[in-house]
Amino acid sequence: MAGVAAALTMLIVASACSGSGGLAAPTPTSAPCSSSSAAPPSATPVTTVVPVDGSGERNVGLPANLSLPLIVHAHREGSGTFIVRGIDASGKDTQVLASALGAYDGTFAVGFVDDCALPTVGLKVESTGRWHLDIADARLAHGYGAGVAGKGDSVLSYVGNATKARVTYTGHARFNVTTYGSNGPKLLARSTGAYRGAVVLPRGPIFIAVTADGAWTIEPG
């Protein structure tokens, strides 16, 4: 599994550098052109997760011991606006990675489709109240197998042949499903309300990024 996980990461790095940019915000961001971003196959499981606690507005540098692409699980209680943006080495915003009005509990991608010359090096958190981030290697993304159900933003990995899937969403706002692999990003589903439809997951290894304000499922179709 370590070799497969590394292959996922390498595909993301390769496709990020050949792509022309991201989709509508919030979507995952880019990987730098350096091949060092893709960890080589290893028998050692990937386990590193870097926790960050904060309050209010704050810039958070990406951990030096982790290479793009990454996934970040964020949790924040309370009311008001919660936004996480990527920032480059000059401190400029790259993309909106996560946003919510009120509580947030979800996982988003960092380092998937940015301009190679301006990789994301940190996160800008805009919030009131306390929040928590868990920053991890993208290879720790949950796998999609016989189907998966979730609520809110999520990042999954898939290894296998191209396959049909059924996607449902029961929320009332933004929703999209995007895959990232050797052929670059591919938008599979998008809606601003409830959604039900059939899609085709590309041949893996790929990542699947879900942006949602409510409950969703992706099941074999």
C-alpha atoms as a PDB file:
ATOM      1  CA  MET A   1       0.000   0.000   0.000  1.00  0.00           C
ATOM      2  CA  ALA A   2       2.916   2.391   0.613  1.00  0.00           C
ATOM      3  CA  GLY A   3       3.973   2.109  -3.029  1.00  0.00           C
ATOM      4  CA  VAL A   4       0.428   2.751  -4.222  1.00  0.00           C
ATOM      5  CA  ALA A   5       0.128   5.745  -1.918  1.00  0.00           C
ATOM      6  CA  ALA A   6       3.380   7.188  -3.243  1.00  0.00           C
ATOM      7  CA  ALA A   7       2.126   6.682  -6.807  1.00  0.00           C
ATOM      8  CA  LEU A   8      -0.948   8.745  -5.957  1.00  0.00           C
ATOM      9  CA  THR A   9       1.243  11.563  -4.732  1.00  0.00           C
ATOM     10  CA  MET A  10       3.532  11.424  -7.788  1.00  0.00           C
ATOM     11  CA  LEU A  11       0.571  11.586 -10.157  1.00  0.00           C
ATOM     12  CA  ILE A  12      -0.752  14.671  -8.410  1.00  0.00           C
ATOM     13  CA  VAL A  13       2.613  16.427  -8.670  1.00  0.00           C
ATOM     14  CA  ALA A  14       2.944  15.574 -12.376  1.00  0.00           C
ATOM     15  CA  SER A  15      -0.576  16.651 -13.287  1.00  0.00           C
ATOM     16  CA  ALA A  16      -0.401  19.844 -11.193  1.00  0.00           C
ATOM     17  CA  CYS A  17       2.548  21.117 -13.175  1.00  0.00           C
ATOM     18  CA  SER A  18       0.857  20.483 -16.525  1.00  0.00           C
ATOM     19  CA  GLY A  19      -2.552  21.917 -15.607  1.00  0.00           C
ATOM     20  CA  SER A  20      -3.850  25.391 -16.390  1.00  0.00           C
ATOM     21  CA  GLY A  21      -5.330  26.256 -13.005  1.00  0.00           C
ATOM     22  CA  GLY A  22      -8.098  25.425 -10.598  1.00  0.00           C
ATOM     23  CA  LEU A  23     -11.870  25.409 -10.648  1.00  0.00           C
ATOM     24  CA  ALA A  24     -14.190  27.807  -8.844  1.00  0.00           C
ATOM     25  CA  ALA A  25     -13.240  28.428  -5.224  1.00  0.00           C
ATOM     26  CA  PRO A  26     -13.016  26.714  -2.868  1.00  0.00           C
ATOM     27  CA  THR A  27     -10.902  24.053  -4.577  1.00  0.00           C
ATOM     28  CA  PRO A  28      -7.574  22.349  -3.851  1.00  0.00           C
ATOM     29  CA  THR A  29      -4.314  24.132  -4.680  1.00  0.00           C
ATOM     30  CA  SER A  30      -1.025  23.312  -6.377  1.00  0.00           C
ATOM     31  CA  ALA A  31       2.126  21.281  -6.064  1.00  0.00           C
ATOM     32  CA  PRO A  32       5.597  22.680  -6.811  1.00  0.00           C
ATOM     33  CA  CYS A  33       7.555  21.327  -9.777  1.00  0.00           C
ATOM     34  CA  SER A  34      10.225  19.726  -7.606  1.00  0.00           C
ATOM     35  CA  SER A  35      10.069  15.937  -7.616  1.00  0.00           C
ATOM     36  CA  SER A  36      10.919  16.089  -3.917  1.00  0.00           C
ATOM     37  CA  SER A  37       7.220  16.737  -3.324  1.00  0.00           C
ATOM     38  CA  ALA A  38       6.513  13.084  -4.043  1.00  0.00           C
ATOM     39  CA  ALA A  39       7.750  10.769  -1.332  1.00  0.00           C
ATOM     40  CA  PRO A  40       9.358   7.576  -2.717  1.00  0.00           C
ATOM     41  CA  PRO A  41       7.783   4.182  -2.061  1.00  0.00           C
ATOM     42  CA  SER A  42       8.532   2.966   1.437  1.00  0.00           C
ATOM     43  CA  ALA A  43       7.649   0.080   3.691  1.00  0.00           C
ATOM     44  CA  THR A  44       7.234   2.611   6.501  1.00  0.00           C
ATOM     45  CA  PRO A  45       3.604   3.708   6.943  1.00  0.00           C
ATOM     46  CA  VAL A  46       2.867   7.419   6.536  1.00  0.00           C
ATOM     47  CA  THR A  47       1.676   8.558   9.951  1.00  0.00           C
ATOM     48  CA  THR A  48       2.813  12.144  10.496  1.00  0.00           C
ATOM     49  CA  VAL A  49       0.033  14.558  11.408  1.00  0.00           C
ATOM     50  CA  VAL A  50       0.918  18.065  12.579  1.00  0.00           C
ATOM     51  CA  PRO A  51      -1.731  19.655  14.855  1.00  0.00           C
ATOM     52  CA  VAL A  52      -2.140  23.432  15.039  1.00  0.00           C
ATOM     53  CA  ASP A  53      -4.412  25.247  17.502  1.00  0.00           C
ATOM     54  CA  GLY A  54      -5.280  28.882  17.037  1.00  0.00           C
ATOM     55  CA  SER A  55      -7.744  31.663  17.596  1.00  0.00           C
ATOM     56  CA  GLY A  56      -8.920  34.479  15.372  1.00  0.00           C
ATOM     57  CA  GLU A  57      -6.945  35.472  12.284  1.00  0.00           C
ATOM     58  CA  ARG A  58      -3.541  33.863  11.854  1.00  0.00           C
ATOM     59  CA  ASN A  59      -1.043  32.757   9.206  1.00  0.00           C
ATOM     60  CA  VAL A  60       0.159  29.167   9.570  1.00  0.00           C
ATOM     61  CA  GLY A  61       3.272  27.971   7.753  1.00  0.00           C
ATOM     62  CA  LEU A  62       3.152  24.497   6.272  1.00  0.00           C
ATOM     63  CA  PRO A  63       5.297  22.046   8.301  1.00  0.00           C
ATOM     64  CA  ALA A  64       8.886  21.693   7.062  1.00  0.00           C
ATOM     65  CA  ASN A  65       8.751  17.922   7.585  1.00  0.00           C
ATOM     66  CA  LEU A  66       5.805  17.506   5.186  1.00  0.00           C
ATOM     67  CA  SER A  67       5.874  17.958   1.402  1.00  0.00           C
ATOM     68  CA  LEU A  68       3.043  18.909  -0.908  1.00  0.00           C
ATOM     69  CA  PRO A  69       0.478  17.657  -1.680  1.00  0.00           C
ATOM     70  CA  LEU A  70      -1.171  17.724   1.741  1.00  0.00           C
ATOM     71  CA  ILE A  71      -4.583  17.305   3.307  1.00  0.00           C
ATOM     72  CA  VAL A  72      -5.824  19.410   6.208  1.00  0.00           C
ATOM     73  CA  HIS A  73      -8.651  18.583   8.578  1.00  0.00           C
ATOM     74  CA  ALA A  74     -10.085  21.720  10.164  1.00  0.00           C
ATOM     75  CA  HIS A  75     -12.514  22.065  13.043  1.00  0.00           C
ATOM     76  CA  ARG A  76     -14.131  25.243  14.287  1.00  0.00           C
ATOM     77  CA  GLU A  77     -17.178  25.831  16.482  1.00  0.00           C
ATOM     78  CA  GLY A  78     -19.200  28.989  16.789  1.00  0.00           C
ATOM     79  CA  SER A  79     -20.781  31.554  14.509  1.00  0.00           C
ATOM     80  CA  GLY A  80     -19.429  34.011  11.997  1.00  0.00           C
ATOM     81  CA  THR A  81     -17.250  33.495   8.960  1.00  0.00           C
ATOM     82  CA  PHE A  82     -14.519  30.855   8.762  1.00  0.00           C
ATOM     83  CA  ILE A  83     -12.180  30.979   5.762  1.00  0.00           C
ATOM     84  CA  VAL A  84      -8.867  29.249   5.046  1.00  0.00           C
ATOM     85  CA  ARG A  85      -6.810  30.541   2.131  1.00  0.00           C
ATOM     86  CA  GLY A  86      -3.522  29.332   0.719  1.00  0.00           C
ATOM     87  CA  ILE A  87      -0.643  31.826   0.665  1.00  0.00           C
ATOM     88  CA  ASP A  88       2.550  31.799  -1.408  1.00  0.00           C
ATOM     89  CA  ALA A  89       6.101  32.718  -0.408  1.00  0.00           C
ATOM     90  CA  SER A  90       5.402  36.437  -0.925  1.00  0.00           C
ATOM     91  CA  GLY A  91       2.393  36.293   1.391  1.00  0.00           C
ATOM     92  CA  LYS A  92      -0.161  36.659  -1.398  1.00  0.00           C
ATOM     93  CA  ASP A  93      -3.349  34.584  -1.428  1.00  0.00           C
ATOM     94  CA  THR A  94      -3.367  31.627  -3.823  1.00  0.00           C
ATOM     95  CA  GLN A  95      -6.883  30.201  -3.421  1.00  0.00           C
ATOM     96  CA  VAL A  96      -9.737  29.776  -0.997  1.00  0.00           C
ATOM     97  CA  LEU A  97      -9.391  26.243   0.379  1.00  0.00           C
ATOM     98  CA  ALA A  98     -12.298  26.105   2.815  1.00  0.00           C
ATOM     99  CA  SER A  99     -15.109  28.406   3.869  1.00  0.00           C
ATOM    100  CA  ALA A 100     -18.166  28.319   6.091  1.00  0.00           C
ATOM    101  CA  LEU A 101     -20.627  30.596   7.835  1.00  0.00           C
ATOM    102  CA  GLY A 102     -20.752  29.068  11.298  1.00  0.00           C
ATOM    103  CA  ALA A 103     -19.199  25.804  12.464  1.00  0.00           C
ATOM    104  CA  TYR A 104     -16.829  23.899  10.162  1.00  0.00           C
ATOM    105  CA  ASP A 105     -15.606  20.307  10.295  1.00  0.00           C
ATOM    106  CA  GLY A 106     -14.029  18.989   7.119  1.00  0.00           C
ATOM    107  CA  THR A 107     -10.915  18.013   5.177  1.00  0.00           C
ATOM    108  CA  PHE A 108      -9.510  19.959   2.242  1.00  0.00           C
ATOM    109  CA  ALA A 109      -6.568  19.548  -0.133  1.00  0.00           C
ATOM    110  CA  VAL A 110      -3.451  21.710  -0.341  1.00  0.00           C
ATOM    111  CA  GLY A 111      -0.948  21.478  -3.180  1.00  0.00           C
ATOM    112  CA  PHE A 112      -2.935  19.931  -6.020  1.00  0.00           C
ATOM    113  CA  VAL A 113      -3.350  22.425  -8.893  1.00  0.00           C
ATOM    114  CA  ASP A 114      -1.555  25.733  -8.280  1.00  0.00           C
ATOM    115  CA  ASP A 115       0.907  27.402 -10.631  1.00  0.00           C
ATOM    116  CA  CYS A 116       4.204  25.547 -10.195  1.00  0.00           C
ATOM    117  CA  ALA A 117       6.072  28.846  -9.854  1.00  0.00           C
ATOM    118  CA  LEU A 118       3.907  29.930  -6.912  1.00  0.00           C
ATOM    119  CA  PRO A 119       3.307  26.925  -4.670  1.00  0.00           C
ATOM    120  CA  THR A 120       1.320  27.287  -1.473  1.00  0.00           C
ATOM    121  CA  VAL A 121       3.660  27.591   1.521  1.00  0.00           C
ATOM    122  CA  GLY A 122       1.180  28.512   4.241  1.00  0.00           C
ATOM    123  CA  LEU A 123      -2.423  28.918   5.283  1.00  0.00           C
ATOM    124  CA  LYS A 124      -4.237  32.140   6.199  1.00  0.00           C
ATOM    125  CA  VAL A 125      -7.034  31.452   8.673  1.00  0.00           C
ATOM    126  CA  GLU A 126      -9.754  34.103   8.977  1.00  0.00           C
ATOM    127  CA  SER A 127     -12.040  33.369  11.884  1.00  0.00           C
ATOM    128  CA  THR A 128     -13.507  34.450  15.176  1.00  0.00           C
ATOM    129  CA  GLY A 129     -13.043  32.152  18.138  1.00  0.00           C
ATOM    130  CA  ARG A 130     -10.839  29.095  18.448  1.00  0.00           C
ATOM    131  CA  TRP A 131     -10.030  26.594  15.682  1.00  0.00           C
ATOM    132  CA  HIS A 132      -7.926  23.474  15.160  1.00  0.00           C
ATOM    133  CA  LEU A 133      -6.025  22.142  12.124  1.00  0.00           C
ATOM    134  CA  ASP A 134      -4.488  18.709  11.514  1.00  0.00           C
ATOM    135  CA  ILE A 135      -2.019  18.933   8.614  1.00  0.00           C
ATOM    136  CA  ALA A 136      -0.999  15.622   7.000  1.00  0.00           C
ATOM    137  CA  ASP A 137       0.512  13.978   3.937  1.00  0.00           C
ATOM    138  CA  ALA A 138      -2.126  13.487   1.219  1.00  0.00           C
ATOM    139  CA  ARG A 139      -1.384   9.751   1.316  1.00  0.00           C
ATOM    140  CA  LEU A 140      -3.390   9.603   4.554  1.00  0.00           C
ATOM    141  CA  ALA A 141      -6.602  10.380   2.648  1.00  0.00           C
ATOM    142  CA  HIS A 142      -9.359   7.833   3.268  1.00  0.00           C
ATOM    143  CA  GLY A 143      -9.756   5.275   0.501  1.00  0.00           C
ATOM    144  CA  TYR A 144     -12.818   4.860  -1.713  1.00  0.00           C
ATOM    145  CA  GLY A 145     -13.739   1.226  -2.118  1.00  0.00           C
ATOM    146  CA  ALA A 146     -17.238  -0.188  -1.848  1.00  0.00           C
ATOM    147  CA  GLY A 147     -18.659   3.284  -1.364  1.00  0.00           C
ATOM    148  CA  VAL A 148     -18.374   6.106   1.106  1.00  0.00           C
ATOM    149  CA  ALA A 149     -20.679   8.538   2.893  1.00  0.00           C
ATOM    150  CA  GLY A 150     -19.673  11.837   4.405  1.00  0.00           C
ATOM    151  CA  LYS A 151     -20.727  15.291   5.485  1.00  0.00           C
ATOM    152  CA  GLY A 152     -18.880  18.427   4.526  1.00  0.00           C
ATOM    153  CA  ASP A 153     -15.554  18.727   2.728  1.00  0.00           C
ATOM    154  CA  SER A 154     -13.454  15.583   2.258  1.00  0.00           C
ATOM    155  CA  VAL A 155     -10.522  14.137   0.296  1.00  0.00           C
ATOM    156  CA  LEU A 156     -10.461  10.466  -0.752  1.00  0.00           C
ATOM    157  CA  SER A 157      -8.050   8.243  -2.662  1.00  0.00           C
ATOM    158  CA  TYR A 158      -8.980   5.611  -5.227  1.00  0.00           C
ATOM    159  CA  VAL A 159      -6.917   2.833  -6.804  1.00  0.00           C
ATOM    160  CA  GLY A 160      -8.527   0.744  -9.538  1.00  0.00           C
ATOM    161  CA  ASN A 161      -9.955   0.791 -13.037  1.00  0.00           C
ATOM    162  CA  ALA A 162     -12.317   3.450 -14.342  1.00  0.00           C
ATOM    163  CA  THR A 163     -15.687   2.732 -12.774  1.00  0.00           C
ATOM    164  CA  LYS A 164     -19.225   4.048 -12.630  1.00  0.00           C
ATOM    165  CA  ALA A 165     -20.465   5.625  -9.413  1.00  0.00           C
ATOM    166  CA  ARG A 166     -23.663   7.171  -8.071  1.00  0.00           C
ATOM    167  CA  VAL A 167     -23.330  10.521  -6.331  1.00  0.00           C
ATOM    168  CA  THR A 168     -25.954  12.021  -4.031  1.00  0.00           C
ATOM    169  CA  TYR A 169     -25.981  15.254  -2.038  1.00  0.00           C
ATOM    170  CA  THR A 170     -28.735  16.379   0.316  1.00  0.00           C
ATOM    171  CA  GLY A 171     -27.461  19.842   1.213  1.00  0.00           C
ATOM    172  CA  HIS A 172     -28.817  23.172   0.071  1.00  0.00           C
ATOM    173  CA  ALA A 173     -25.700  25.028  -1.042  1.00  0.00           C
ATOM    174  CA  ARG A 174     -22.389  24.467  -2.809  1.00  0.00           C
ATOM    175  CA  PHE A 175     -21.347  20.980  -3.878  1.00  0.00           C
ATOM    176  CA  ASN A 176     -18.717  19.668  -6.252  1.00  0.00           C
ATOM    177  CA  VAL A 177     -16.706  16.508  -6.791  1.00  0.00           C
ATOM    178  CA  THR A 178     -13.338  16.778  -8.553  1.00  0.00           C
ATOM    179  CA  THR A 179     -10.758  14.077  -9.276  1.00  0.00           C
ATOM    180  CA  TYR A 180      -6.992  14.568  -9.605  1.00  0.00           C
ATOM    181  CA  GLY A 181      -4.724  12.085 -11.382  1.00  0.00           C
ATOM    182  CA  SER A 182      -2.329  11.638 -14.278  1.00  0.00           C
ATOM    183  CA  ASN A 183      -4.676  13.460 -16.656  1.00  0.00           C
ATOM    184  CA  GLY A 184      -5.091  16.480 -14.408  1.00  0.00           C
ATOM    185  CA  PRO A 185      -8.215  17.693 -12.609  1.00  0.00           C
ATOM    186  CA  LYS A 186     -11.647  16.538 -13.765  1.00  0.00           C
ATOM    187  CA  LEU A 187     -14.907  17.985 -12.463  1.00  0.00           C
ATOM    188  CA  LEU A 188     -17.406  15.131 -12.023  1.00  0.00           C
ATOM    189  CA  ALA A 189     -20.312  16.875 -10.315  1.00  0.00           C
ATOM    190  CA  ARG A 190     -21.364  20.392  -9.374  1.00  0.00           C
ATOM    191  CA  SER A 191     -24.517  21.799  -7.844  1.00  0.00           C
ATOM    192  CA  THR A 192     -25.792  24.656  -5.675  1.00  0.00           C
ATOM    193  CA  GLY A 193     -28.423  22.427  -4.072  1.00  0.00           C
ATOM    194  CA  ALA A 194     -29.455  18.791  -3.744  1.00  0.00           C
ATOM    195  CA  TYR A 195     -27.816  16.533  -6.339  1.00  0.00           C
ATOM    196  CA  ARG A 196     -28.238  12.997  -7.620  1.00  0.00           C
ATOM    197  CA  GLY A 197     -26.424  11.662 -10.644  1.00  0.00           C
ATOM    198  CA  ALA A 198     -24.156   9.069 -12.247  1.00  0.00           C
ATOM    199  CA  VAL A 199     -20.449   9.730 -12.842  1.00  0.00           C
ATOM    200  CA  VAL A 200     -17.401   7.803 -14.004  1.00  0.00           C
ATOM    201  CA  LEU A 201     -14.382   7.753 -11.721  1.00  0.00           C
ATOM    202  CA  PRO A 202     -11.202   7.842 -13.845  1.00  0.00           C
ATOM    203  CA  ARG A 203      -8.710   5.017 -13.653  1.00  0.00           C
ATOM    204  CA  GLY A 204      -6.648   5.248 -10.468  1.00  0.00           C
ATOM    205  CA  PRO A 205      -4.575   6.024  -8.674  1.00  0.00           C
ATOM    206  CA  ILE A 206      -6.456   9.317  -8.175  1.00  0.00           C
ATOM    207  CA  PHE A 207      -7.602  11.628  -5.415  1.00  0.00           C
ATOM    208  CA  ILE A 208     -11.264  12.617  -5.092  1.00  0.00           C
ATOM    209  CA  ALA A 209     -11.964  16.030  -3.541  1.00  0.00           C
ATOM    210  CA  VAL A 210     -15.500  16.712  -2.287  1.00  0.00           C
ATOM    211  CA  THR A 211     -16.635  20.236  -1.435  1.00  0.00           C
ATOM    212  CA  ALA A 212     -20.002  20.236   0.331  1.00  0.00           C
ATOM    213  CA  ASP A 213     -22.130  22.001   2.921  1.00  0.00           C
ATOM    214  CA  GLY A 214     -24.139  18.891   3.787  1.00  0.00           C
ATOM    215  CA  ALA A 215     -24.356  15.106   3.613  1.00  0.00           C
ATOM    216  CA  TRP A 216     -23.252  13.182   0.508  1.00  0.00           C
ATOM    217  CA  THR A 217     -22.567   9.655  -0.737  1.00  0.00           C
ATOM    218  CA  ILE A 218     -20.449   8.152  -3.512  1.00  0.00           C
ATOM    219  CA  GLU A 219     -21.363   4.537  -4.221  1.00  0.00           C
ATOM    220  CA  PRO A 220     -20.599   1.996  -6.946  1.00  0.00           C
ATOM    221  CA  GLY A 221     -23.007   2.513  -9.814  1.00  0.00           C
END
